PDB file of all heavy atoms in Angstrom:
ATOM      1  N   ILE A   1      62.796 198.902 210.765  1.00  0.00           N
ATOM      2  CA  ILE A   1      61.676 198.579 209.833  1.00  0.00           C
ATOM      3  C   ILE A   1      61.878 197.139 209.282  1.00  0.00           C
ATOM      4  O   ILE A   1      60.945 196.297 209.262  1.00  0.00           O
ATOM      5  CB  ILE A   1      61.649 199.574 208.640  1.00  0.00           C
ATOM      6  CG1 ILE A   1      61.265 200.981 209.173  1.00  0.00           C
ATOM      7  CG2 ILE A   1      60.600 199.126 207.684  1.00  0.00           C
ATOM      8  CD1 ILE A   1      61.384 202.087 208.179  1.00  0.00           C
ATOM      9  N   LEU A   2      63.104 196.816 208.907  1.00  0.00           N
ATOM     10  CA  LEU A   2      63.356 195.529 208.385  1.00  0.00           C
ATOM     11  C   LEU A   2      63.148 194.400 209.453  1.00  0.00           C
ATOM     12  O   LEU A   2      62.596 193.344 209.160  1.00  0.00           O
ATOM     13  CB  LEU A   2      64.788 195.381 207.892  1.00  0.00           C
ATOM     14  CG  LEU A   2      65.174 196.224 206.651  1.00  0.00           C
ATOM     15  CD1 LEU A   2      66.692 196.127 206.319  1.00  0.00           C
ATOM     16  CD2 LEU A   2      64.432 195.682 205.416  1.00  0.00           C
ATOM     17  N   ASP A   3      63.536 194.678 210.698  1.00  0.00           N
ATOM     18  CA  ASP A   3      63.301 193.657 211.754  1.00  0.00           C
ATOM     19  C   ASP A   3      61.787 193.510 212.002  1.00  0.00           C
ATOM     20  O   ASP A   3      61.332 192.347 212.189  1.00  0.00           O
ATOM     21  CB  ASP A   3      63.942 194.131 213.075  1.00  0.00           C
ATOM     22  CG  ASP A   3      65.439 194.002 213.026  1.00  0.00           C
ATOM     23  OD1 ASP A   3      65.971 193.289 212.107  1.00  0.00           O
ATOM     24  OD2 ASP A   3      66.146 194.633 213.850  1.00  0.00           O
ATOM     25  N   LYS A   4      61.060 194.587 211.990  1.00  0.00           N
ATOM     26  CA  LYS A   4      59.620 194.449 212.224  1.00  0.00           C
ATOM     27  C   LYS A   4      58.950 193.770 211.076  1.00  0.00           C
ATOM     28  O   LYS A   4      58.014 192.994 211.258  1.00  0.00           O
ATOM     29  CB  LYS A   4      59.035 195.896 212.431  1.00  0.00           C
ATOM     30  CG  LYS A   4      57.676 196.017 213.141  1.00  0.00           C
ATOM     31  CD  LYS A   4      57.850 195.693 214.545  1.00  0.00           C
ATOM     32  CE  LYS A   4      56.557 195.905 215.342  1.00  0.00           C
ATOM     33  NZ  LYS A   4      56.646 195.548 216.750  1.00  0.00           N
ATOM     34  N   LEU A   5      59.371 194.106 209.835  1.00  0.00           N
ATOM     35  CA  LEU A   5      58.827 193.422 208.675  1.00  0.00           C
ATOM     36  C   LEU A   5      59.042 191.902 208.784  1.00  0.00           C
ATOM     37  O   LEU A   5      58.190 191.129 208.429  1.00  0.00           O
ATOM     38  CB  LEU A   5      59.481 193.944 207.317  1.00  0.00           C
ATOM     39  CG  LEU A   5      58.861 195.211 206.755  1.00  0.00           C
ATOM     40  CD1 LEU A   5      59.726 195.674 205.575  1.00  0.00           C
ATOM     41  CD2 LEU A   5      57.401 194.908 206.305  1.00  0.00           C
ATOM     42  N   ASN A   6      60.184 191.521 209.190  1.00  0.00           N
ATOM     43  CA  ASN A   6      60.577 190.150 209.388  1.00  0.00           C
ATOM     44  C   ASN A   6      59.608 189.464 210.285  1.00  0.00           C
ATOM     45  O   ASN A   6      59.098 188.352 210.027  1.00  0.00           O
ATOM     46  CB  ASN A   6      62.004 190.004 209.881  1.00  0.00           C
ATOM     47  CG  ASN A   6      62.440 188.552 210.028  1.00  0.00           C
ATOM     48  OD1 ASN A   6      61.918 187.806 210.879  1.00  0.00           O
ATOM     49  ND2 ASN A   6      63.376 188.173 209.215  1.00  0.00           N
ATOM     50  N   ASP A   7      59.229 190.099 211.424  1.00  0.00           N
ATOM     51  CA  ASP A   7      58.281 189.521 212.387  1.00  0.00           C
ATOM     52  C   ASP A   7      56.947 189.276 211.689  1.00  0.00           C
ATOM     53  O   ASP A   7      56.364 188.226 211.862  1.00  0.00           O
ATOM     54  CB  ASP A   7      58.137 190.484 213.585  1.00  0.00           C
ATOM     55  CG  ASP A   7      59.367 190.558 214.412  1.00  0.00           C
ATOM     56  OD1 ASP A   7      60.234 189.710 214.300  1.00  0.00           O
ATOM     57  OD2 ASP A   7      59.437 191.576 215.211  1.00  0.00           O
ATOM     58  N   TYR A   8      56.431 190.249 211.025  1.00  0.00           N
ATOM     59  CA  TYR A   8      55.108 190.154 210.399  1.00  0.00           C
ATOM     60  C   TYR A   8      55.121 189.143 209.212  1.00  0.00           C
ATOM     61  O   TYR A   8      54.155 188.466 208.946  1.00  0.00           O
ATOM     62  CB  TYR A   8      54.568 191.525 209.926  1.00  0.00           C
ATOM     63  CG  TYR A   8      54.040 192.331 211.066  1.00  0.00           C
ATOM     64  CD1 TYR A   8      54.765 193.388 211.624  1.00  0.00           C
ATOM     65  CD2 TYR A   8      52.801 191.988 211.657  1.00  0.00           C
ATOM     66  CE1 TYR A   8      54.273 194.073 212.701  1.00  0.00           C
ATOM     67  CE2 TYR A   8      52.345 192.724 212.761  1.00  0.00           C
ATOM     68  CZ  TYR A   8      53.063 193.718 213.336  1.00  0.00           C
ATOM     69  OH  TYR A   8      52.583 194.461 214.346  1.00  0.00           O
ATOM     70  N   LEU A   9      56.180 189.107 208.483  1.00  0.00           N
ATOM     71  CA  LEU A   9      56.328 188.143 207.379  1.00  0.00           C
ATOM     72  C   LEU A   9      56.260 186.744 207.901  1.00  0.00           C
ATOM     73  O   LEU A   9      55.661 185.835 207.296  1.00  0.00           O
ATOM     74  CB  LEU A   9      57.583 188.391 206.619  1.00  0.00           C
ATOM     75  CG  LEU A   9      57.622 189.682 205.682  1.00  0.00           C
ATOM     76  CD1 LEU A   9      58.952 189.996 205.167  1.00  0.00           C
ATOM     77  CD2 LEU A   9      56.550 189.496 204.536  1.00  0.00           C
ATOM     78  N   CYS A  10      56.932 186.502 209.005  1.00  0.00           N
ATOM     79  CA  CYS A  10      56.878 185.169 209.680  1.00  0.00           C
ATOM     80  C   CYS A  10      55.487 184.833 210.169  1.00  0.00           C
ATOM     81  O   CYS A  10      55.036 183.643 209.955  1.00  0.00           O
ATOM     82  CB  CYS A  10      57.848 185.063 210.785  1.00  0.00           C
ATOM     83  SG  CYS A  10      59.614 185.054 210.312  1.00  0.00           S
ATOM     84  N   ILE A  11      54.743 185.766 210.628  1.00  0.00           N
ATOM     85  CA  ILE A  11      53.327 185.534 210.949  1.00  0.00           C
ATOM     86  C   ILE A  11      52.576 185.169 209.700  1.00  0.00           C
ATOM     87  O   ILE A  11      51.747 184.204 209.728  1.00  0.00           O
ATOM     88  CB  ILE A  11      52.728 186.811 211.617  1.00  0.00           C
ATOM     89  CG1 ILE A  11      53.344 187.087 212.952  1.00  0.00           C
ATOM     90  CG2 ILE A  11      51.209 186.631 211.752  1.00  0.00           C
ATOM     91  CD1 ILE A  11      53.008 188.426 213.533  1.00  0.00           C
ATOM     92  N   HIS A  12      52.777 185.908 208.673  1.00  0.00           N
ATOM     93  CA  HIS A  12      52.098 185.645 207.369  1.00  0.00           C
ATOM     94  C   HIS A  12      52.477 184.240 206.840  1.00  0.00           C
ATOM     95  O   HIS A  12      51.550 183.541 206.353  1.00  0.00           O
ATOM     96  CB  HIS A  12      52.512 186.700 206.316  1.00  0.00           C
ATOM     97  CG  HIS A  12      51.710 186.760 205.073  1.00  0.00           C
ATOM     98  ND1 HIS A  12      50.351 186.386 205.061  1.00  0.00           N
ATOM     99  CD2 HIS A  12      52.048 187.069 203.779  1.00  0.00           C
ATOM    100  CE1 HIS A  12      49.929 186.478 203.786  1.00  0.00           C
ATOM    101  NE2 HIS A  12      50.952 186.830 203.017  1.00  0.00           N
ATOM    102  N   ILE A  13      53.699 183.837 206.971  1.00  0.00           N
ATOM    103  CA  ILE A  13      54.101 182.494 206.560  1.00  0.00           C
ATOM    104  C   ILE A  13      53.425 181.445 207.385  1.00  0.00           C
ATOM    105  O   ILE A  13      52.865 180.469 206.861  1.00  0.00           O
ATOM    106  CB  ILE A  13      55.670 182.350 206.641  1.00  0.00           C
ATOM    107  CG1 ILE A  13      56.329 183.193 205.552  1.00  0.00           C
ATOM    108  CG2 ILE A  13      56.039 180.890 206.621  1.00  0.00           C
ATOM    109  CD1 ILE A  13      57.836 183.254 205.751  1.00  0.00           C
ATOM    110  N   GLU A  14      53.410 181.604 208.687  1.00  0.00           N
ATOM    111  CA  GLU A  14      52.799 180.656 209.595  1.00  0.00           C
ATOM    112  C   GLU A  14      51.335 180.498 209.252  1.00  0.00           C
ATOM    113  O   GLU A  14      50.824 179.374 209.239  1.00  0.00           O
ATOM    114  CB  GLU A  14      53.002 181.095 211.018  1.00  0.00           C
ATOM    115  CG  GLU A  14      52.344 180.105 212.045  1.00  0.00           C
ATOM    116  CD  GLU A  14      52.615 180.445 213.497  1.00  0.00           C
ATOM    117  OE1 GLU A  14      53.130 181.562 213.751  1.00  0.00           O
ATOM    118  OE2 GLU A  14      52.350 179.584 214.329  1.00  0.00           O
ATOM    119  N   ASN A  15      50.615 181.587 209.026  1.00  0.00           N
ATOM    120  CA  ASN A  15      49.189 181.569 208.669  1.00  0.00           C
ATOM    121  C   ASN A  15      48.948 180.811 207.346  1.00  0.00           C
ATOM    122  O   ASN A  15      47.984 180.126 207.174  1.00  0.00           O
ATOM    123  CB  ASN A  15      48.624 182.936 208.654  1.00  0.00           C
ATOM    124  CG  ASN A  15      48.552 183.566 210.030  1.00  0.00           C
ATOM    125  OD1 ASN A  15      48.515 182.876 211.036  1.00  0.00           O
ATOM    126  ND2 ASN A  15      48.557 184.926 210.051  1.00  0.00           N
ATOM    127  N   GLN A  16      49.861 181.032 206.419  1.00  0.00           N
ATOM    128  CA  GLN A  16      49.735 180.370 205.090  1.00  0.00           C
ATOM    129  C   GLN A  16      49.912 178.857 205.240  1.00  0.00           C
ATOM    130  O   GLN A  16      49.222 178.052 204.654  1.00  0.00           O
ATOM    131  CB  GLN A  16      50.685 180.942 204.061  1.00  0.00           C
ATOM    132  CG  GLN A  16      50.395 182.381 203.638  1.00  0.00           C
ATOM    133  CD  GLN A  16      51.292 182.929 202.562  1.00  0.00           C
ATOM    134  OE1 GLN A  16      51.198 182.612 201.392  1.00  0.00           O
ATOM    135  NE2 GLN A  16      52.271 183.719 203.060  1.00  0.00           N
ATOM    136  N   ILE A  17      50.926 178.444 206.038  1.00  0.00           N
ATOM    137  CA  ILE A  17      51.175 177.059 206.269  1.00  0.00           C
ATOM    138  C   ILE A  17      49.926 176.437 206.910  1.00  0.00           C
ATOM    139  O   ILE A  17      49.531 175.338 206.588  1.00  0.00           O
ATOM    140  CB  ILE A  17      52.450 176.847 207.078  1.00  0.00           C
ATOM    141  CG1 ILE A  17      53.666 177.353 206.353  1.00  0.00           C
ATOM    142  CG2 ILE A  17      52.585 175.423 207.528  1.00  0.00           C
ATOM    143  CD1 ILE A  17      54.929 177.458 207.189  1.00  0.00           C
ATOM    144  N   SER A  18      49.438 177.102 207.952  1.00  0.00           N
ATOM    145  CA  SER A  18      48.279 176.534 208.695  1.00  0.00           C
ATOM    146  C   SER A  18      47.062 176.393 207.819  1.00  0.00           C
ATOM    147  O   SER A  18      46.251 175.495 208.034  1.00  0.00           O
ATOM    148  CB  SER A  18      47.922 177.504 209.879  1.00  0.00           C
ATOM    149  OG  SER A  18      49.007 177.570 210.796  1.00  0.00           O
ATOM    150  N   ALA A  19      46.916 177.223 206.797  1.00  0.00           N
ATOM    151  CA  ALA A  19      45.795 177.157 205.861  1.00  0.00           C
ATOM    152  C   ALA A  19      46.005 176.104 204.800  1.00  0.00           C
ATOM    153  O   ALA A  19      45.020 175.699 204.211  1.00  0.00           O
ATOM    154  CB  ALA A  19      45.640 178.519 205.208  1.00  0.00           C
ATOM    155  N   GLY A  20      47.227 175.547 204.627  1.00  0.00           N
ATOM    156  CA  GLY A  20      47.435 174.485 203.638  1.00  0.00           C
ATOM    157  C   GLY A  20      48.548 174.638 202.684  1.00  0.00           C
ATOM    158  O   GLY A  20      48.767 173.776 201.812  1.00  0.00           O
ATOM    159  N   ALA A  21      49.305 175.782 202.754  1.00  0.00           N
ATOM    160  CA  ALA A  21      50.496 175.898 201.828  1.00  0.00           C
ATOM    161  C   ALA A  21      51.568 174.945 202.277  1.00  0.00           C
ATOM    162  O   ALA A  21      51.805 174.785 203.481  1.00  0.00           O
ATOM    163  CB  ALA A  21      51.009 177.287 201.875  1.00  0.00           C
ATOM    164  N   ASP A  22      52.165 174.209 201.317  1.00  0.00           N
ATOM    165  CA  ASP A  22      53.202 173.259 201.710  1.00  0.00           C
ATOM    166  C   ASP A  22      54.554 173.619 201.122  1.00  0.00           C
ATOM    167  O   ASP A  22      55.529 172.872 201.317  1.00  0.00           O
ATOM    168  CB  ASP A  22      52.789 171.856 201.253  1.00  0.00           C
ATOM    169  CG  ASP A  22      52.475 171.730 199.797  1.00  0.00           C
ATOM    170  OD1 ASP A  22      52.950 172.524 199.043  1.00  0.00           O
ATOM    171  OD2 ASP A  22      51.763 170.760 199.438  1.00  0.00           O
ATOM    172  N   VAL A  23      54.739 174.738 200.499  1.00  0.00           N
ATOM    173  CA  VAL A  23      55.974 175.315 200.042  1.00  0.00           C
ATOM    174  C   VAL A  23      55.824 176.808 200.225  1.00  0.00           C
ATOM    175  O   VAL A  23      54.785 177.430 199.975  1.00  0.00           O
ATOM    176  CB  VAL A  23      56.306 174.989 198.595  1.00  0.00           C
ATOM    177  CG1 VAL A  23      57.601 175.666 198.152  1.00  0.00           C
ATOM    178  CG2 VAL A  23      56.421 173.498 198.369  1.00  0.00           C
ATOM    179  N   ILE A  24      56.911 177.502 200.586  1.00  0.00           N
ATOM    180  CA  ILE A  24      56.974 178.976 200.637  1.00  0.00           C
ATOM    181  C   ILE A  24      58.042 179.503 199.714  1.00  0.00           C
ATOM    182  O   ILE A  24      59.152 178.959 199.653  1.00  0.00           O
ATOM    183  CB  ILE A  24      57.241 179.461 202.088  1.00  0.00           C
ATOM    184  CG1 ILE A  24      56.077 179.090 203.071  1.00  0.00           C
ATOM    185  CG2 ILE A  24      57.529 180.964 202.080  1.00  0.00           C
ATOM    186  CD1 ILE A  24      54.725 179.795 202.700  1.00  0.00           C
ATOM    187  N   GLN A  25      57.730 180.546 198.987  1.00  0.00           N
ATOM    188  CA  GLN A  25      58.715 181.214 198.169  1.00  0.00           C
ATOM    189  C   GLN A  25      58.901 182.635 198.624  1.00  0.00           C
ATOM    190  O   GLN A  25      57.957 183.341 198.961  1.00  0.00           O
ATOM    191  CB  GLN A  25      58.305 181.210 196.668  1.00  0.00           C
ATOM    192  CG  GLN A  25      59.346 181.973 195.809  1.00  0.00           C
ATOM    193  CD  GLN A  25      59.580 181.340 194.423  1.00  0.00           C
ATOM    194  OE1 GLN A  25      58.918 180.449 194.038  1.00  0.00           O
ATOM    195  NE2 GLN A  25      60.579 181.867 193.724  1.00  0.00           N
TER     196      GLN A  25
END
């Protein structure tokens, strides 16, 4: 579960960056 969550969280991060986020917490 943790490994799978990591994959989806990275997708979520990438999408936020592409939309204009310039820092991630």
